[in-house]
């Protein structure tokens, strides 16, 4: 609105000729004029000296991707805080897990496959405290410590949103930092071994990459299931394989796994290429190959009379609660090898993308609640 219009519509009795009054009266007149301007501007939504200060939306620090590319596109900046929908909770973030898939999404290579759009905040493993709950949320409440695998990301931030189908109560026996390393990797291992392969007690499973995020959980889940575990890793990680419960630890730099692993019931592959190609021959008739990084070769499956499937993990709060139970029973322990501040997200993603991380990398966003 034109400022002159405001002045013309102002009640005339408040006008005054400053030059005809004493300085003290001049000050009073100016104050009255300013007060009237403020009140009048408030009513019609303008202020002659600029826009009236609006109540700003809450903001937060976050790592944002505005364009697809390398780690350098990760920008640490101030952004609006998300508002939960009726079926969501707002989570005050304590920690976020870092996964190799974070870098794939950031690169844009699989944007169509993942359904991502820009700008985006990465981070699919979250751990924190419920700050606000939507009207339709029934299982979670304000103040609850939770962890979740959030399908559309948002974890690299001060606050994130999650649905009840994505989250569960955080295990009491572990820290928020440890909890942030659990959901995506543990659910991947669970859905590969339990849902897809139907692993049962007494069976034998070969786990490639046993020291990684998914592999470390897969060993422990398989042992909790009563299976025999053969796991592969590099030389420095042989001790970790044993610590996690592997019955047979294989150093893939020194030993061909097919010389040791024979007639196994299940293979969990997180390596692909030659490792996957050599795995079909070690599976017994009727067995199963679950692969995280490729499509199984149907000709090879048919040749060996075995089954197989690519694994694409989905959020599942019920399964996450089962994993929580195993953690509380000391049957599963998350392995966190590195904890970095949110400002070092670039470094964290660079390390995760090497696929040679022991366990998980976690970004610490806030201090653990006392």
Protein backbone atom coordinates (compact mmCIF):
# COMPACT_ATOMS: atom_id res chain seq x y z
CA UNK A 1 0.00 0.00 0.00
CA UNK A 2 1.19 3.55 -0.85
CA UNK A 3 2.44 5.27 2.32
CA UNK A 4 0.76 8.53 1.28
CA UNK A 5 -2.61 6.78 1.21
CA UNK A 6 -2.14 5.75 4.83
CA UNK A 7 -1.38 9.34 5.83
CA UNK A 8 -4.41 10.69 3.94
CA UNK A 9 -6.78 8.26 5.66
CA UNK A 10 -5.46 9.11 9.11
CA UNK A 11 -7.93 11.01 11.38
CA UNK A 12 -7.21 14.71 11.01
CA UNK A 13 -7.40 15.54 14.72
CA UNK A 14 -4.06 13.85 15.25
CA UNK A 15 -2.27 16.08 12.79
CA UNK A 16 -0.13 18.83 14.28
CA UNK A 17 2.13 21.58 13.10
CA UNK A 18 5.35 20.92 14.91
CA UNK A 19 6.80 24.34 14.11
CA UNK A 20 4.06 26.07 16.11
CA UNK A 21 4.65 24.12 19.34
CA UNK A 22 7.34 23.99 21.96
CA UNK A 23 9.94 21.18 21.71
CA UNK A 24 8.29 19.25 24.56
CA UNK A 25 4.88 19.44 22.83
CA UNK A 26 6.54 18.47 19.53
CA UNK A 27 7.80 15.22 21.10
CA UNK A 28 4.36 14.39 22.44
CA UNK A 29 2.81 15.02 19.06
CA UNK A 30 5.34 12.82 17.28
CA UNK A 31 4.76 10.01 19.74
CA UNK A 32 0.98 10.24 19.19
CA UNK A 33 1.47 10.15 15.45
CA UNK A 34 3.73 7.10 15.65
CA UNK A 35 1.26 5.30 17.91
CA UNK A 36 -1.61 6.00 15.54
CA UNK A 37 0.41 4.82 12.57
CA UNK A 38 1.23 1.58 14.36
CA UNK A 39 -2.37 0.88 15.38
CA UNK A 40 -3.77 1.77 12.01
CA UNK A 41 -1.13 -0.20 10.13
CA UNK A 42 -1.80 -3.23 12.32
CA UNK A 43 -5.48 -3.15 11.35
CA UNK A 44 -4.90 -2.95 7.62
CA UNK A 45 -1.73 -5.04 7.46
CA UNK A 46 0.88 -2.43 6.54
CA UNK A 47 3.45 -0.33 8.36
CA UNK A 48 4.74 2.87 6.78
CA UNK A 49 8.34 2.13 7.74
CA UNK A 50 8.33 -1.40 6.24
CA UNK A 51 6.56 -4.72 6.67
CA UNK A 52 5.32 -5.58 10.16
CA UNK A 53 7.44 -8.33 11.68
CA UNK A 54 5.57 -11.58 11.31
CA UNK A 55 5.95 -14.46 13.70
CA UNK A 56 8.68 -16.43 11.96
CA UNK A 57 8.40 -20.16 11.46
CA UNK A 58 10.79 -22.22 13.60
CA UNK A 59 14.06 -23.07 11.86
CA UNK A 60 16.81 -25.65 12.34
CA UNK A 61 20.27 -26.54 11.11
CA UNK A 62 20.35 -29.18 8.40
CA UNK A 63 22.50 -30.64 5.64
CA UNK A 64 20.73 -29.94 2.34
CA UNK A 65 21.25 -31.14 -1.24
CA UNK A 66 20.16 -28.51 -3.77
CA UNK A 67 21.72 -30.21 -6.78
CA UNK A 68 22.82 -33.78 -7.46
CA UNK A 69 26.54 -34.45 -7.45
CA UNK A 70 29.52 -35.38 -5.29
CA UNK A 71 29.92 -34.86 -1.54
CA UNK A 72 30.58 -31.16 -2.13
CA UNK A 73 26.84 -30.57 -2.83
CA UNK A 74 26.06 -31.23 0.84
CA UNK A 75 25.39 -27.80 2.35
CA UNK A 76 25.07 -27.10 6.07
CA UNK A 77 22.48 -24.34 6.45
CA UNK A 78 19.45 -22.91 8.26
CA UNK A 79 16.12 -24.26 6.99
CA UNK A 80 12.47 -24.27 8.15
CA UNK A 81 11.63 -26.90 10.73
CA UNK A 82 9.23 -29.57 9.41
CA UNK A 83 5.66 -29.75 10.67
CA UNK A 84 4.28 -33.26 11.31
CA UNK A 85 1.14 -34.41 9.51
CA UNK A 86 -1.70 -36.09 11.39
CA UNK A 87 -0.03 -39.52 11.09
CA UNK A 88 3.49 -38.30 11.93
CA UNK A 89 5.61 -37.31 14.89
CA UNK A 90 8.17 -34.53 14.98
CA UNK A 91 11.45 -35.90 16.34
CA UNK A 92 14.08 -33.74 18.02
CA UNK A 93 17.15 -35.38 16.57
CA UNK A 94 20.01 -36.70 18.69
CA UNK A 95 21.79 -38.77 16.03
CA UNK A 96 21.48 -39.96 12.43
CA UNK A 97 22.95 -43.05 10.81
CA UNK A 98 24.98 -42.82 7.60
CA UNK A 99 24.54 -45.48 4.91
CA UNK A 100 26.07 -46.11 1.47
CA UNK A 101 22.63 -45.44 -0.05
CA UNK A 102 22.88 -41.83 1.15
CA UNK A 103 25.62 -41.18 -1.39
CA UNK A 104 23.69 -42.94 -4.16
CA UNK A 105 20.67 -40.71 -3.57
CA UNK A 106 22.86 -37.60 -3.34
CA UNK A 107 24.45 -38.41 -6.70
CA UNK A 108 21.07 -38.40 -8.46
CA UNK A 109 21.99 -41.57 -10.35
CA UNK A 110 18.95 -43.39 -9.01
CA UNK A 111 16.63 -40.39 -8.58
CA UNK A 112 13.84 -42.01 -10.61
CA UNK A 113 14.22 -45.34 -8.82
CA UNK A 114 14.14 -43.77 -5.36
CA UNK A 115 11.57 -41.13 -6.30
CA UNK A 116 13.69 -38.29 -4.93
CA UNK A 117 13.23 -34.60 -5.71
CA UNK A 118 15.32 -31.54 -4.87
CA UNK A 119 16.05 -29.96 -2.52
CA UNK A 120 16.41 -32.88 -0.11
CA UNK A 121 17.80 -33.58 3.33
CA UNK A 122 19.56 -36.99 3.45
CA UNK A 123 19.46 -39.39 6.37
CA UNK A 124 17.23 -42.46 6.69
CA UNK A 125 18.25 -43.69 10.15
CA UNK A 126 17.10 -41.43 12.95
CA UNK A 127 17.18 -41.47 16.74
CA UNK A 128 15.72 -38.80 18.98
CA UNK A 129 12.85 -37.67 21.18
CA UNK A 130 9.25 -37.06 20.10
CA UNK A 131 8.68 -33.30 20.22
CA UNK A 132 5.15 -33.23 18.76
CA UNK A 133 2.61 -35.86 17.71
CA UNK A 134 -0.02 -35.65 14.97
CA UNK A 135 -3.72 -36.01 15.76
CA UNK A 136 -3.92 -39.58 14.44
CA UNK A 137 -0.81 -40.89 16.20
CA UNK A 138 -1.73 -43.43 18.89
CA UNK A 139 1.40 -45.48 19.70
CA UNK A 140 3.91 -42.69 20.27
CA UNK A 141 3.67 -39.62 22.48
CA UNK A 142 5.59 -36.46 23.25
CA UNK A 143 8.75 -37.23 25.21
CA UNK A 144 9.16 -40.79 23.89
CA UNK A 145 12.73 -41.73 22.84
CA UNK A 146 12.43 -43.42 19.43
CA UNK A 147 14.41 -44.64 16.48
CA UNK A 148 13.23 -45.16 12.92
CA UNK A 149 14.00 -45.88 9.30
CA UNK A 150 12.35 -42.95 7.54
CA UNK A 151 11.50 -43.74 3.93
CA UNK A 152 11.96 -40.21 2.55
CA UNK A 153 14.95 -39.12 4.59
CA UNK A 154 15.38 -35.91 6.56
CA UNK A 155 17.71 -37.27 9.25
CA UNK A 156 20.67 -34.93 8.71
CA UNK A 157 18.91 -32.17 10.63
CA UNK A 158 17.92 -30.81 14.01
CA UNK A 159 14.40 -32.17 13.57
CA UNK A 160 12.82 -34.88 11.40
CA UNK A 161 9.38 -36.41 10.94
CA UNK A 162 8.44 -40.09 11.06
CA UNK A 163 5.24 -42.10 10.84
CA UNK A 164 4.24 -44.72 13.39
CA UNK A 165 4.86 -47.34 10.71
CA UNK A 166 8.50 -46.24 10.48
CA UNK A 167 9.49 -45.88 14.12
CA UNK A 168 9.56 -47.71 17.43
CA UNK A 169 10.62 -47.10 21.01
CA UNK A 170 14.40 -46.83 21.27
CA UNK A 171 16.03 -49.77 23.09
CA UNK A 172 16.78 -48.66 26.64
CA UNK A 173 20.05 -50.59 26.81
CA UNK A 174 21.83 -48.59 24.10
CA UNK A 175 22.59 -44.91 23.52
CA UNK A 176 20.91 -42.71 20.91
CA UNK A 177 24.13 -42.76 18.88
CA UNK A 178 24.10 -46.57 18.84
CA UNK A 179 20.38 -46.62 18.09
CA UNK A 180 20.88 -44.38 15.05
CA UNK A 181 23.04 -47.10 13.51
CA UNK A 182 20.35 -49.78 13.73
CA UNK A 183 17.13 -49.33 11.70
CA UNK A 184 17.99 -49.46 7.99
CA UNK A 185 20.84 -51.98 8.22
CA UNK A 186 19.14 -54.26 10.75
CA UNK A 187 15.84 -54.20 8.84
CA UNK A 188 17.70 -55.02 5.61
CA UNK A 189 19.30 -58.06 7.25
CA UNK A 190 15.98 -59.10 8.81
CA UNK A 191 13.98 -58.79 5.59
CA UNK A 192 16.66 -60.65 3.62
CA UNK A 193 17.16 -63.55 6.03
CA UNK A 194 13.77 -63.89 7.73
CA UNK A 195 11.20 -62.53 5.28
CA UNK A 196 12.77 -63.53 1.95
CA UNK A 197 15.00 -66.54 2.69
CA UNK A 198 12.91 -67.92 5.60
CA UNK A 199 16.09 -68.82 7.50
CA UNK A 200 15.41 -71.30 10.29
CA UNK A 201 17.26 -73.02 13.12
CA UNK A 202 19.82 -75.59 12.02
CA UNK A 203 20.35 -74.10 8.57
CA UNK A 204 23.65 -72.65 7.31
CA UNK A 205 24.01 -69.14 5.94
CA UNK A 206 26.96 -67.59 4.10
CA UNK A 207 27.18 -63.83 4.72
CA UNK A 208 29.44 -61.80 2.46
CA UNK A 209 30.75 -58.57 3.97
CA UNK A 210 30.11 -59.68 7.53
CA UNK A 211 31.86 -56.71 9.13
CA UNK A 212 29.76 -54.06 7.38
CA UNK A 213 26.53 -52.43 8.51
CA UNK A 214 24.11 -55.04 7.14
CA UNK A 215 26.53 -57.94 7.54
CA UNK A 216 27.19 -57.28 11.23
CA UNK A 217 23.46 -57.38 11.97
CA UNK A 218 22.90 -60.36 9.68
CA UNK A 219 25.41 -62.49 11.62
CA UNK A 220 23.72 -61.69 14.91
CA UNK A 221 20.17 -62.16 13.61
CA UNK A 222 21.12 -65.51 12.06
CA UNK A 223 22.70 -66.70 15.30
CA UNK A 224 19.64 -65.58 17.27
CA UNK A 225 17.61 -67.65 14.79
CA UNK A 226 19.69 -70.73 15.59
CA UNK A 227 21.55 -70.92 12.27
CA UNK A 228 25.17 -71.73 11.57
CA UNK A 229 27.02 -68.70 10.16
CA UNK A 230 29.91 -68.54 7.72
CA UNK A 231 31.01 -64.94 7.18
CA UNK A 232 33.60 -63.22 5.02
CA UNK A 233 35.62 -60.07 5.71
CA UNK A 234 39.12 -58.70 5.21
CA UNK A 235 42.09 -59.61 7.41
CA UNK A 236 41.68 -56.82 10.03
CA UNK A 237 38.04 -57.77 10.62
CA UNK A 238 38.42 -61.48 11.34
CA UNK A 239 38.26 -60.87 15.09
CA UNK A 240 35.07 -58.84 14.70
CA UNK A 241 33.39 -61.70 12.81
CA UNK A 242 34.10 -64.01 15.73
CA UNK A 243 32.96 -61.37 18.21
CA UNK A 244 29.66 -61.07 16.36
CA UNK A 245 29.13 -64.82 16.59
CA UNK A 246 30.27 -66.23 13.24
CA UNK A 247 30.99 -69.96 13.44
CA UNK A 248 33.42 -69.74 10.52
CA UNK A 249 35.31 -66.55 9.72
CA UNK A 250 36.80 -66.37 6.21
CA UNK A 251 39.44 -63.90 5.06
CA UNK A 252 38.45 -63.27 1.45
CA UNK A 253 41.91 -61.87 0.67
CA UNK A 254 43.48 -65.24 1.47
CA UNK A 255 40.80 -67.89 0.99
CA UNK A 256 38.21 -68.60 -1.70
CA UNK A 257 34.91 -68.94 0.13
CA UNK A 258 33.75 -71.71 -2.24
CA UNK A 259 36.60 -73.90 -0.97
CA UNK A 260 35.08 -73.81 2.52
CA UNK A 261 31.38 -73.01 2.19
CA UNK A 262 29.50 -75.87 0.54
CA UNK A 263 25.83 -76.83 0.46
CA UNK A 264 24.68 -73.77 2.37
CA UNK A 265 20.98 -73.01 2.71
CA UNK A 266 21.20 -69.24 2.28
CA UNK A 267 23.63 -66.69 0.85
CA UNK A 268 23.37 -63.02 1.78
CA UNK A 269 25.38 -61.00 -0.74
CA UNK A 270 26.25 -57.34 -0.32
CA UNK A 271 29.18 -57.33 -2.77
CA UNK A 272 27.80 -58.41 -6.16
CA UNK A 273 29.79 -59.00 -9.37
CA UNK A 274 32.24 -61.91 -9.13
CA UNK A 275 31.33 -62.65 -5.52
CA UNK A 276 27.69 -63.14 -6.45
CA UNK A 277 28.56 -65.13 -9.56
CA UNK A 278 30.64 -67.59 -7.50
CA UNK A 279 27.96 -67.90 -4.82
CA UNK A 280 25.34 -69.81 -6.81
CA UNK A 281 27.45 -72.94 -6.80
CA UNK A 282 27.74 -73.16 -3.00
CA UNK A 283 23.97 -73.20 -2.38
CA UNK A 284 22.24 -76.54 -1.93
CA UNK A 285 19.24 -77.48 -4.05
CA UNK A 286 16.21 -75.52 -2.93
CA UNK A 287 18.37 -72.92 -1.21
CA UNK A 288 18.15 -69.16 -1.49
CA UNK A 289 20.37 -66.26 -2.64
CA UNK A 290 19.50 -62.81 -1.31
CA UNK A 291 21.44 -59.97 -2.92
CA UNK A 292 21.47 -56.31 -1.91
CA UNK A 293 23.29 -54.87 -4.90
CA UNK A 294 22.15 -56.71 -8.03
CA UNK A 295 19.48 -58.81 -9.68
CA UNK A 296 20.11 -62.54 -9.28
CA UNK A 297 20.96 -64.33 -12.54
CA UNK A 298 17.85 -66.37 -13.26
CA UNK A 299 19.79 -68.76 -15.51
CA UNK A 300 22.16 -69.55 -12.63
CA UNK A 301 19.25 -69.99 -10.21
CA UNK A 302 17.60 -72.43 -12.61
CA UNK A 303 20.87 -74.25 -13.28
CA UNK A 304 21.38 -74.98 -9.56
CA UNK A 305 17.68 -75.45 -8.75
CA UNK A 306 17.75 -72.65 -6.21
CA UNK A 307 15.76 -69.47 -5.60
CA UNK A 308 16.84 -65.88 -5.23
CA UNK A 309 15.69 -62.28 -4.95
CA UNK A 310 17.02 -58.72 -4.82
CA UNK A 311 16.37 -57.13 -1.44
CA UNK A 312 14.84 -53.66 -1.20
CA UNK A 313 14.33 -52.71 2.43
CA UNK A 314 11.08 -51.12 3.63
CA UNK A 315 10.26 -49.40 6.93
CA UNK A 316 8.48 -51.75 9.32
CA UNK A 317 7.82 -50.74 12.92
CA UNK A 318 6.70 -54.27 13.91
CA UNK A 319 9.98 -55.79 12.74
CA UNK A 320 11.89 -52.95 14.33
CA UNK A 321 10.24 -53.82 17.65
CA UNK A 322 11.38 -57.44 17.23
CA UNK A 323 14.91 -56.17 16.63
CA UNK A 324 14.56 -53.99 19.75
CA UNK A 325 13.66 -57.10 21.74
CA UNK A 326 16.82 -58.88 20.54
CA UNK A 327 18.90 -55.83 21.48
CA UNK A 328 17.39 -55.74 24.98
CA UNK A 329 18.10 -59.48 25.30
CA UNK A 330 21.76 -58.80 24.41
CA UNK A 331 21.49 -60.93 21.27
CA UNK A 332 22.19 -57.98 18.97
CA UNK A 333 24.67 -55.17 19.54
CA UNK A 334 25.12 -52.35 17.01
CA UNK A 335 28.71 -51.69 15.93
CA UNK A 336 29.45 -47.97 15.56
CA UNK A 337 32.98 -47.35 14.32
CA UNK A 338 32.90 -43.59 13.89
CA UNK A 339 30.89 -40.69 15.35
CA UNK A 340 31.07 -37.30 13.63
CA UNK A 341 29.26 -33.98 14.08
CA UNK A 342 26.56 -32.99 11.58
CA UNK A 343 28.94 -30.40 10.13
CA UNK A 344 31.16 -33.25 8.89
CA UNK A 345 28.49 -34.98 6.80
CA UNK A 346 30.76 -34.79 3.74
CA UNK A 347 33.48 -36.80 5.48
CA UNK A 348 30.92 -39.30 6.76
CA UNK A 349 29.42 -39.93 3.33
CA UNK A 350 32.84 -40.25 1.70
CA UNK A 351 33.75 -42.98 4.17
CA UNK A 352 30.41 -44.81 3.88
CA UNK A 353 30.71 -44.82 0.08
CA UNK A 354 33.93 -46.88 0.27
CA UNK A 355 31.89 -49.91 1.44
CA UNK A 356 34.77 -50.72 3.79
CA UNK A 357 33.32 -49.33 7.00
CA UNK A 358 33.34 -51.51 10.08
CA UNK A 359 29.76 -51.44 11.32
CA UNK A 360 28.19 -48.01 11.05
CA UNK A 361 29.08 -44.30 10.91
CA UNK A 362 26.81 -41.99 12.90
CA UNK A 363 26.32 -38.23 12.86
CA UNK A 364 25.81 -36.81 16.35
CA UNK A 365 23.39 -33.88 16.18
CA UNK A 366 22.66 -33.08 19.83
CA UNK A 367 23.71 -34.22 23.29
CA UNK A 368 22.12 -37.34 24.75
CA UNK A 369 19.19 -36.46 27.08
CA UNK A 370 19.92 -37.07 30.75
